[in-house]
Amino acid sequence: MKTNNYKIENNVTLKGGTNGNYPFSDMTVGDSFLIKCTPKAISATRSSVFYQSRGFKIATRSVKGGLRVWLVK
């Protein structure tokens, strides 16, 4: 039987939340921002953006220097 050495804790505050890393709440339709990343990181970055954009309609495009994100609705 395998045992683990994990300490179980309670009353630890969960930090962060939806839209915490990106400025969707401060944007108006047509605004965009650039996330600087390598071409290899585009897919993972796009996934992160879509996950955190719940409640907002966005579009993304790979551009020179990273990933550009637009608020479209």
Protein backbone atom coordinates (compact mmCIF):
# COMPACT_ATOMS: atom_id res chain seq x y z
CA MET A 1 0.00 0.00 0.00
CA LYS A 2 1.35 3.39 -0.97
CA THR A 3 1.29 6.16 1.61
CA ASN A 4 1.68 9.87 1.01
CA ASN A 5 3.25 12.67 2.96
CA TYR A 6 0.69 15.36 2.28
CA LYS A 7 -0.39 17.61 5.11
CA ILE A 8 -4.13 18.25 5.02
CA GLU A 9 -4.98 21.84 5.95
CA ASN A 10 -8.18 23.81 6.41
CA ASN A 11 -9.02 27.52 6.58
CA VAL A 12 -6.56 28.35 3.80
CA THR A 13 -7.86 31.20 1.65
CA LEU A 14 -8.17 30.51 -2.07
CA LYS A 15 -6.66 33.48 -3.86
CA GLY A 16 -7.41 34.71 -7.33
CA GLY A 17 -10.52 34.02 -9.30
CA THR A 18 -12.16 34.48 -12.64
CA ASN A 19 -10.75 37.30 -14.74
CA GLY A 20 -8.04 37.90 -12.15
CA ASN A 21 -5.15 38.06 -14.58
CA TYR A 22 -6.68 39.88 -17.51
CA PRO A 23 -8.35 43.33 -17.74
CA PHE A 24 -11.72 42.28 -19.19
CA SER A 25 -13.71 44.27 -16.62
CA ASP A 26 -11.89 47.48 -17.59
CA MET A 27 -12.37 47.02 -21.34
CA THR A 28 -15.04 48.21 -23.76
CA VAL A 29 -16.03 46.45 -26.99
CA GLY A 30 -13.25 46.84 -29.56
CA ASP A 31 -10.45 47.20 -26.99
CA SER A 32 -7.56 44.76 -27.12
CA PHE A 33 -4.40 43.86 -25.25
CA LEU A 34 -1.25 41.95 -26.10
CA ILE A 35 0.04 39.05 -24.05
CA LYS A 36 3.74 38.67 -24.77
CA CYS A 37 4.66 35.02 -25.20
CA THR A 38 6.69 32.72 -27.41
CA PRO A 39 5.14 30.96 -30.40
CA LYS A 40 5.36 27.66 -28.49
CA ALA A 41 3.30 29.14 -25.63
CA ILE A 42 0.46 30.51 -27.82
CA SER A 43 -1.83 27.50 -27.39
CA ALA A 44 -1.51 27.35 -23.59
CA THR A 45 -1.88 31.12 -23.31
CA ARG A 46 -5.01 31.08 -25.48
CA SER A 47 -6.52 28.35 -23.30
CA SER A 48 -5.83 30.38 -20.17
CA VAL A 49 -7.42 33.49 -21.68
CA PHE A 50 -10.59 31.67 -22.77
CA TYR A 51 -10.90 29.96 -19.39
CA GLN A 52 -10.65 33.27 -17.53
CA SER A 53 -12.89 35.20 -19.93
CA ARG A 54 -16.13 33.56 -18.81
CA GLY A 55 -18.91 36.11 -19.13
CA PHE A 56 -17.10 38.03 -21.87
CA LYS A 57 -17.06 37.43 -25.63
CA ILE A 58 -13.49 37.61 -26.89
CA ALA A 59 -11.44 36.92 -30.00
CA THR A 60 -7.74 36.05 -30.11
CA ARG A 61 -5.11 36.11 -32.83
CA SER A 62 -1.48 35.08 -32.88
CA VAL A 63 0.59 38.17 -33.73
CA LYS A 64 4.24 39.03 -33.81
CA GLY A 65 5.36 39.06 -30.20
CA GLY A 66 2.53 37.05 -28.68
CA LEU A 67 -1.24 36.75 -28.53
CA ARG A 68 -3.63 39.67 -29.04
CA VAL A 69 -7.02 39.52 -27.27
CA TRP A 70 -10.05 41.63 -28.27
CA LEU A 71 -13.28 42.16 -26.38
CA VAL A 72 -15.98 41.69 -29.02
CA LYS A 73 -19.25 41.67 -27.03
